[in-house]
């Protein structure tokens, strides 16, 4: 289907406001049936010989005896935009670009309903409300492509959206969020991806969000972080930060550095959270957790196959009984094998083979 056809001109002697009966084309011109085909929707221009009475509209061509052209939509006329009530005499119908249609096409077919001239594959914009909605016409139905809020520039897409790349290379589709700021500063949010749904009051609610933050905008030393926010008891707040390391919002010190997690505690299989309350982090030291659990370690130097008595840095209790701070509690076996628990000890020794080798021990228990 096409709205215009070149060199299409016919005469008619139709009177009144009804369908045009087409009387044929002058020599060198085509009929509407030849130019458009039967059943086609087309734009037409009708006028008397001197052009003083005229009508521009859209109608449907039918191959018949005689051929006909309906007057479905009147776009403009010398009768204040209404149908002309034709009198006797010859009129001429032609296919020429119509000013109303061309103006609408230049504006992107904006209006409160689909324009009558739109063909299959055409798009139109419904500006009857907010946001404006963009539709694709398949010849029968309209499909919403996207909506745009003209006051904010926000664009929304209906249903699922797929970004597809057919590039045979190693990189797939790229979704880029660019904060083009003339004055970038630390803690600027450079991109947000919110995940929304309704609450039971039918209110639009953000339940979780990915947030990209500029940490340092210094050229050559830029830093950034990715934060994960979640809704908890009606408040949207950060629950995890990722940069060189990973840390939770309430952990002292912030980013712990590459390959390190900084948090107040953790759980194992839903058991009570353990958080570090004290510790000595050196070659010989300890860590004490909030539930009383203690881990000790050290690295004394001994001769091969010797018996070494380790000094514990903290008093603690194991399932075998109490062990006091400073007590000698470990035994190294010849050949460097792990020592088994002896009495109240839980100490292990390794690397005790060879002359003057460094050995390591560790112990654990609960105060």
Protein backbone atom coordinates (compact mmCIF):
# COMPACT_ATOMS: atom_id res chain seq x y z
CA UNK A 1 0.00 0.00 0.00
CA UNK A 2 1.17 3.51 -0.84
CA UNK A 3 -0.44 6.89 -0.16
CA UNK A 4 0.75 8.57 -3.37
CA UNK A 5 1.23 7.44 -6.98
CA UNK A 6 2.95 9.32 -9.79
CA UNK A 7 1.05 10.55 -12.93
CA UNK A 8 -2.37 9.56 -11.61
CA UNK A 9 -5.28 11.70 -12.85
CA UNK A 10 -8.95 11.00 -13.60
CA UNK A 11 -12.09 12.99 -14.26
CA UNK A 12 -15.46 12.58 -12.55
CA UNK A 13 -18.96 13.99 -12.93
CA UNK A 14 -20.01 12.91 -9.43
CA UNK A 15 -22.44 15.24 -7.66
CA UNK A 16 -23.27 15.56 -3.98
CA UNK A 17 -21.14 14.26 -1.07
CA UNK A 18 -20.97 10.56 -1.93
CA UNK A 19 -18.35 8.27 -3.41
CA UNK A 20 -16.59 9.43 -6.55
CA UNK A 21 -17.26 7.54 -9.76
CA UNK A 22 -14.06 7.61 -11.83
CA UNK A 23 -14.48 8.29 -15.55
CA UNK A 24 -10.97 7.45 -16.77
CA UNK A 25 -7.59 9.10 -17.28
CA UNK A 26 -6.52 11.57 -20.02
CA UNK A 27 -3.96 10.38 -22.54
CA UNK A 28 -0.52 9.92 -20.92
CA UNK A 29 -1.92 9.57 -17.37
CA UNK A 30 -2.74 6.55 -15.19
CA UNK A 31 -6.01 5.66 -13.51
CA UNK A 32 -6.26 5.28 -9.72
CA UNK A 33 -6.70 1.51 -10.11
CA UNK A 34 -3.51 1.35 -12.20
CA UNK A 35 -1.58 3.67 -9.89
CA UNK A 36 -2.71 2.19 -6.55
CA UNK A 37 -4.52 -1.09 -7.11
CA UNK A 38 -7.98 -2.05 -5.96
CA UNK A 39 -8.57 -1.83 -2.21
CA UNK A 40 -5.71 0.63 -1.70
CA UNK A 41 -5.96 3.60 0.65
CA UNK A 42 -4.70 6.74 -1.08
CA UNK A 43 -4.52 10.50 -0.79
CA UNK A 44 -6.41 12.46 -3.44
CA UNK A 45 -7.00 16.03 -4.53
CA UNK A 46 -10.29 16.96 -6.28
CA UNK A 47 -11.05 20.28 -7.94
CA UNK A 48 -13.08 22.01 -10.62
CA UNK A 49 -11.22 23.14 -13.71
CA UNK A 50 -10.37 26.62 -12.42
CA UNK A 51 -9.43 25.36 -8.94
CA UNK A 52 -11.91 27.58 -7.13
CA UNK A 53 -13.61 24.62 -5.45
CA UNK A 54 -11.38 21.88 -4.11
CA UNK A 55 -11.13 19.01 -1.63
CA UNK A 56 -8.15 17.07 -0.27
CA UNK A 57 -8.76 13.75 1.42
CA UNK A 58 -8.05 10.05 1.84
CA UNK A 59 -10.14 7.34 0.25
CA UNK A 60 -10.21 3.72 -0.90
CA UNK A 61 -9.89 2.72 -4.56
CA UNK A 62 -12.13 -0.03 -5.95
CA UNK A 63 -11.86 -1.67 -9.38
CA UNK A 64 -15.46 -1.72 -10.62
CA UNK A 65 -17.70 -0.42 -13.38
CA UNK A 66 -17.08 2.41 -13.06
CA UNK A 67 -14.03 2.46 -10.77
CA UNK A 68 -14.72 4.27 -7.49
CA UNK A 69 -12.92 6.28 -4.84
CA UNK A 70 -14.45 6.71 -1.39
CA UNK A 71 -14.16 9.92 0.63
CA UNK A 72 -13.16 8.41 4.00
CA UNK A 73 -11.26 11.33 5.53
CA UNK A 74 -11.37 14.98 4.52
CA UNK A 75 -8.07 16.68 5.32
CA UNK A 76 -8.87 20.14 3.92
CA UNK A 77 -11.29 21.81 1.51
CA UNK A 78 -12.63 25.09 0.21
CA UNK A 79 -15.73 24.29 2.31
CA UNK A 80 -13.94 25.04 5.63
CA UNK A 81 -12.50 21.53 5.80
CA UNK A 82 -15.81 19.71 5.16
CA UNK A 83 -16.88 17.59 2.19
CA UNK A 84 -17.75 19.49 -0.94
CA UNK A 85 -21.34 19.09 -2.08
CA UNK A 86 -20.42 18.87 -5.74
CA UNK A 87 -22.67 20.37 -8.37
CA UNK A 88 -22.97 19.37 -12.02
CA UNK A 89 -19.94 19.46 -14.26
CA UNK A 90 -16.57 17.83 -14.65
CA UNK A 91 -14.14 17.60 -11.71
CA UNK A 92 -10.60 16.29 -11.71
CA UNK A 93 -9.00 13.93 -9.18
CA UNK A 94 -5.26 13.54 -8.88
CA UNK A 95 -2.66 12.04 -6.57
CA UNK A 96 -0.38 14.76 -5.28
CA UNK A 97 1.49 15.13 -1.97
CA UNK A 98 -0.89 16.67 0.53
CA UNK A 99 0.26 19.52 2.79
CA UNK A 100 -1.49 18.08 5.86
CA UNK A 101 0.14 14.69 5.42
CA UNK A 102 3.58 16.10 4.62
CA UNK A 103 3.46 18.42 7.65
CA UNK A 104 2.49 15.52 9.92
CA UNK A 105 5.27 13.35 8.53
CA UNK A 106 7.81 16.11 9.22
CA UNK A 107 6.53 16.25 12.83
CA UNK A 108 6.75 12.49 13.28
CA UNK A 109 2.99 11.81 12.98
CA UNK A 110 2.20 13.36 16.37
CA UNK A 111 -1.45 13.39 17.42
CA UNK A 112 -4.07 11.95 19.72
CA UNK A 113 -4.84 8.99 17.42
CA UNK A 114 -3.22 7.10 14.58
CA UNK A 115 -3.35 9.22 11.39
CA UNK A 116 -5.54 7.85 8.61
CA UNK A 117 -2.72 7.91 6.07
CA UNK A 118 -0.29 5.78 8.08
CA UNK A 119 0.85 2.67 6.23
CA UNK A 120 2.03 -0.68 7.59
CA UNK A 121 5.49 -0.24 9.12
CA UNK A 122 4.83 3.40 9.97
CA UNK A 123 5.23 4.96 13.41
CA UNK A 124 3.14 7.56 15.18
CA UNK A 125 3.28 9.39 18.51
CA UNK A 126 0.31 9.66 20.87
CA UNK A 127 0.66 12.97 22.72
CA UNK A 128 -2.77 12.85 24.38
CA UNK A 129 -1.24 12.31 27.83
CA UNK A 130 2.00 12.03 29.79
CA UNK A 131 4.26 10.32 28.90
CA UNK A 132 4.05 10.47 25.12
CA UNK A 133 3.78 6.99 23.59
CA UNK A 134 5.40 5.82 20.34
CA UNK A 135 3.58 3.13 18.36
CA UNK A 136 4.41 0.92 15.38
CA UNK A 137 1.50 0.20 12.99
CA UNK A 138 1.44 -3.22 11.30
CA UNK A 139 -1.43 -2.39 8.96
CA UNK A 140 -4.03 -3.62 11.45
CA UNK A 141 -2.92 -2.97 15.03
CA UNK A 142 -0.63 -0.61 16.93
CA UNK A 143 2.23 -1.90 19.08
CA UNK A 144 3.70 0.31 21.80
CA UNK A 145 7.46 0.64 21.27
CA UNK A 146 8.38 3.01 24.09
CA UNK A 147 7.13 5.99 26.08
CA UNK A 148 8.97 9.22 26.84
CA UNK A 149 8.30 11.79 29.54
CA UNK A 150 8.97 15.10 27.80
CA UNK A 151 9.53 16.94 31.09
CA UNK A 152 12.24 14.62 32.44
CA UNK A 153 13.49 12.78 29.35
CA UNK A 154 12.80 9.44 31.03
CA UNK A 155 12.17 6.63 28.55
CA UNK A 156 10.32 3.43 29.43
CA UNK A 157 9.93 0.23 27.41
CA UNK A 158 7.02 -2.22 27.68
CA UNK A 159 7.60 -5.90 28.48
CA UNK A 160 11.00 -7.55 28.07
CA UNK A 161 13.84 -5.78 26.28
CA UNK A 162 16.69 -7.61 24.56
CA UNK A 163 19.95 -5.97 23.44
CA UNK A 164 21.40 -8.24 20.76
CA UNK A 165 24.74 -8.17 18.98
CA UNK A 166 25.64 -10.37 16.01
CA UNK A 167 29.32 -9.37 16.18
CA UNK A 168 31.45 -12.49 15.81
CA UNK A 169 34.16 -11.00 18.03
CA UNK A 170 34.79 -11.62 21.72
CA UNK A 171 32.69 -8.70 22.99
CA UNK A 172 28.91 -8.82 23.19
CA UNK A 173 26.41 -5.94 23.43
CA UNK A 174 27.46 -2.91 25.45
CA UNK A 175 25.06 -0.88 27.58
CA UNK A 176 26.68 2.47 28.39
CA UNK A 177 25.51 4.87 31.10
CA UNK A 178 27.47 8.14 30.71
CA UNK A 179 27.30 10.98 33.24
CA UNK A 180 28.66 13.83 31.11
CA UNK A 181 29.40 16.30 33.91
CA UNK A 182 31.48 19.47 33.59
CA UNK A 183 32.29 19.38 37.32
CA UNK A 184 32.79 15.75 38.42
CA UNK A 185 33.40 15.38 42.15
CA UNK A 186 33.88 12.64 44.73
CA UNK A 187 30.69 10.82 45.73
CA UNK A 188 28.86 11.77 42.51
CA UNK A 189 26.48 9.02 41.44
CA UNK A 190 27.37 8.43 37.79
CA UNK A 191 24.74 5.79 37.07
CA UNK A 192 21.71 4.09 38.63
CA UNK A 193 19.79 0.96 37.77
CA UNK A 194 16.71 0.71 40.01
CA UNK A 195 14.52 -2.38 40.26
CA UNK A 196 10.91 -1.31 40.82
CA UNK A 197 7.58 -2.83 41.67
CA UNK A 198 4.33 -1.80 43.32
CA UNK A 199 3.61 -2.00 47.03
CA UNK A 200 0.20 -3.00 48.38
CA UNK A 201 -0.95 0.62 48.02
CA UNK A 202 -0.26 0.46 44.26
CA UNK A 203 2.67 2.86 44.69
CA UNK A 204 5.75 2.55 42.50
CA UNK A 205 8.58 1.41 44.78
CA UNK A 206 12.32 0.80 44.35
CA UNK A 207 13.10 -2.55 46.01
CA UNK A 208 16.76 -2.77 45.02
CA UNK A 209 19.26 -0.67 43.11
CA UNK A 210 22.72 -0.80 41.54
CA UNK A 211 24.57 2.48 42.06
CA UNK A 212 27.86 3.47 40.42
CA UNK A 213 29.74 6.13 42.42
CA UNK A 214 32.69 8.32 41.50
CA UNK A 215 35.18 8.11 44.38
CA UNK A 216 38.07 10.15 42.92
CA UNK A 217 37.96 12.14 39.66
CA UNK A 218 41.70 12.97 39.58
CA UNK A 219 43.04 12.41 36.06
CA UNK A 220 45.20 9.30 36.02
CA UNK A 221 44.17 8.29 39.54
CA UNK A 222 40.42 7.81 39.11
CA UNK A 223 38.60 5.57 41.57
CA UNK A 224 35.05 4.29 41.58
CA UNK A 225 32.84 1.90 43.43
CA UNK A 226 29.67 -0.08 42.84
CA UNK A 227 27.10 -0.05 45.63
CA UNK A 228 24.14 -2.37 46.06
CA UNK A 229 21.11 -0.81 47.75
CA UNK A 230 18.10 -2.67 49.11
CA UNK A 231 14.77 -1.72 50.63
CA UNK A 232 14.53 -2.72 54.30
CA UNK A 233 11.51 -1.81 56.44
CA UNK A 234 10.54 0.96 54.06
CA UNK A 235 14.00 2.54 53.73
CA UNK A 236 16.27 2.20 50.71
CA UNK A 237 19.91 2.05 51.85
CA UNK A 238 23.30 0.62 50.86
CA UNK A 239 23.95 -2.98 51.92
CA UNK A 240 27.25 -3.71 50.12
CA UNK A 241 30.09 -1.78 48.45
CA UNK A 242 32.55 -3.11 45.87
CA UNK A 243 35.80 -1.45 44.77
CA UNK A 244 39.31 -2.88 45.32
CA UNK A 245 37.84 -4.91 48.17
CA UNK A 246 34.34 -5.63 49.41
CA UNK A 247 32.86 -4.00 52.52
CA UNK A 248 29.58 -3.47 54.31
CA UNK A 249 28.34 0.06 55.16
CA UNK A 250 28.89 -0.20 58.94
CA UNK A 251 32.36 -1.76 58.82
CA UNK A 252 35.08 0.56 60.12
CA UNK A 253 37.76 1.50 57.61
CA UNK A 254 35.75 1.19 54.40
CA UNK A 255 37.54 -0.38 51.45
CA UNK A 256 39.99 -2.99 52.82
CA UNK A 257 41.97 -3.25 49.59
CA UNK A 258 42.37 -5.91 46.90
CA UNK A 259 40.98 -9.39 47.59
CA UNK A 260 39.80 -8.54 51.14
CA UNK A 261 36.32 -8.45 52.69
CA UNK A 262 35.58 -5.99 55.50
CA UNK A 263 32.44 -6.75 57.51
CA UNK A 264 31.28 -6.77 61.11
CA UNK A 265 30.64 -10.48 61.19
CA UNK A 266 29.57 -13.59 59.37
CA UNK A 267 27.47 -16.71 59.81
CA UNK A 268 28.09 -20.32 59.02
CA UNK A 269 25.02 -22.27 57.98
CA UNK A 270 22.75 -19.80 59.80
CA UNK A 271 24.61 -20.10 63.11
CA UNK A 272 25.24 -17.07 65.34
CA UNK A 273 27.27 -14.34 63.70
CA UNK A 274 30.94 -14.14 64.61
CA UNK A 275 32.52 -10.72 64.72
CA UNK A 276 36.13 -9.90 65.56
CA UNK A 277 36.36 -8.05 68.88
CA UNK A 278 40.13 -8.22 69.49
CA UNK A 279 43.29 -9.45 67.84
CA UNK A 280 46.99 -9.19 67.23
CA UNK A 281 47.86 -9.48 63.57
CA UNK A 282 51.58 -10.29 63.36
CA UNK A 283 53.84 -13.33 62.81
CA UNK A 284 52.67 -14.51 66.23
CA UNK A 285 49.21 -13.38 67.18
CA UNK A 286 45.57 -14.19 67.77
CA UNK A 287 42.00 -13.36 66.79
CA UNK A 288 39.13 -13.39 69.29
CA UNK A 289 35.53 -13.44 68.09
CA UNK A 290 32.37 -12.16 69.75
CA UNK A 291 31.24 -15.67 70.71
CA UNK A 292 34.48 -16.27 72.64
CA UNK A 293 36.19 -18.35 69.98
CA UNK A 294 39.98 -17.74 69.73
CA UNK A 295 42.53 -18.60 67.06
CA UNK A 296 46.26 -18.43 67.97
CA UNK A 297 49.24 -18.74 65.67
CA UNK A 298 53.03 -18.40 65.73
CA UNK A 299 56.27 -19.14 63.90
CA UNK A 300 59.12 -20.07 66.26
CA UNK A 301 62.46 -21.45 64.96
CA UNK A 302 63.56 -24.90 66.18
CA UNK A 303 66.07 -27.58 65.30
CA UNK A 304 65.00 -30.57 63.28
CA UNK A 305 63.01 -33.22 65.11
CA UNK A 306 63.12 -31.21 68.31
CA UNK A 307 60.34 -30.79 70.82
CA UNK A 308 59.03 -27.24 70.80
CA UNK A 309 56.85 -25.73 73.49
CA UNK A 310 54.62 -23.03 72.02
CA UNK A 311 53.53 -20.09 74.14
CA UNK A 312 49.88 -19.15 73.68
CA UNK A 313 49.07 -15.45 73.43
CA UNK A 314 45.62 -15.77 75.01
CA UNK A 315 44.04 -17.87 77.72
CA UNK A 316 41.23 -19.98 76.29
CA UNK A 317 39.21 -23.12 76.91
CA UNK A 318 38.87 -26.07 74.54
CA UNK A 319 36.61 -29.05 74.78
CA UNK A 320 39.58 -30.74 76.51
CA UNK A 321 39.78 -28.18 79.30
CA UNK A 322 41.32 -24.81 80.16
CA UNK A 323 44.66 -23.62 78.74
CA UNK A 324 46.32 -20.63 80.41
CA UNK A 325 48.13 -17.84 78.65
CA UNK A 326 51.86 -18.58 78.45
CA UNK A 327 51.39 -22.33 78.91
CA UNK A 328 53.58 -24.74 76.97
CA UNK A 329 51.08 -26.63 74.88
CA UNK A 330 52.56 -28.09 71.70
CA UNK A 331 54.71 -30.94 70.50
CA UNK A 332 56.50 -31.34 67.17
CA UNK A 333 56.97 -34.84 65.89
CA UNK A 334 60.05 -36.10 64.06
CA UNK A 335 59.69 -35.92 60.31
CA UNK A 336 57.42 -32.92 60.40
CA UNK A 337 54.12 -34.76 60.80
CA UNK A 338 51.21 -32.91 62.40
CA UNK A 339 51.08 -33.41 66.14
CA UNK A 340 47.85 -34.91 67.41
CA UNK A 341 45.98 -33.33 70.34
CA UNK A 342 47.68 -34.28 73.58
CA UNK A 343 45.54 -33.90 76.64
CA UNK A 344 44.15 -30.38 76.55
CA UNK A 345 46.01 -29.15 73.49
CA UNK A 346 44.69 -28.37 70.01
CA UNK A 347 48.05 -27.19 68.61
CA UNK A 348 49.52 -28.19 65.22
CA UNK A 349 53.17 -27.93 64.05
CA UNK A 350 54.51 -28.08 60.50
CA UNK A 351 57.82 -27.72 58.64
CA UNK A 352 59.97 -29.22 61.44
CA UNK A 353 62.24 -31.17 59.07
CA UNK A 354 65.82 -30.07 58.43
CA UNK A 355 68.23 -27.99 60.40
CA UNK A 356 66.89 -24.81 61.99
CA UNK A 357 63.65 -24.79 59.99
CA UNK A 358 60.87 -22.33 60.72
CA UNK A 359 57.77 -24.04 62.03
CA UNK A 360 54.23 -22.79 62.30
CA UNK A 361 51.64 -23.66 64.88
CA UNK A 362 48.04 -22.75 65.42
CA UNK A 363 45.51 -23.46 68.09
CA UNK A 364 41.85 -22.83 68.60
CA UNK A 365 39.36 -22.95 71.39
CA UNK A 366 36.72 -21.01 73.23
CA UNK A 367 37.23 -18.73 76.21
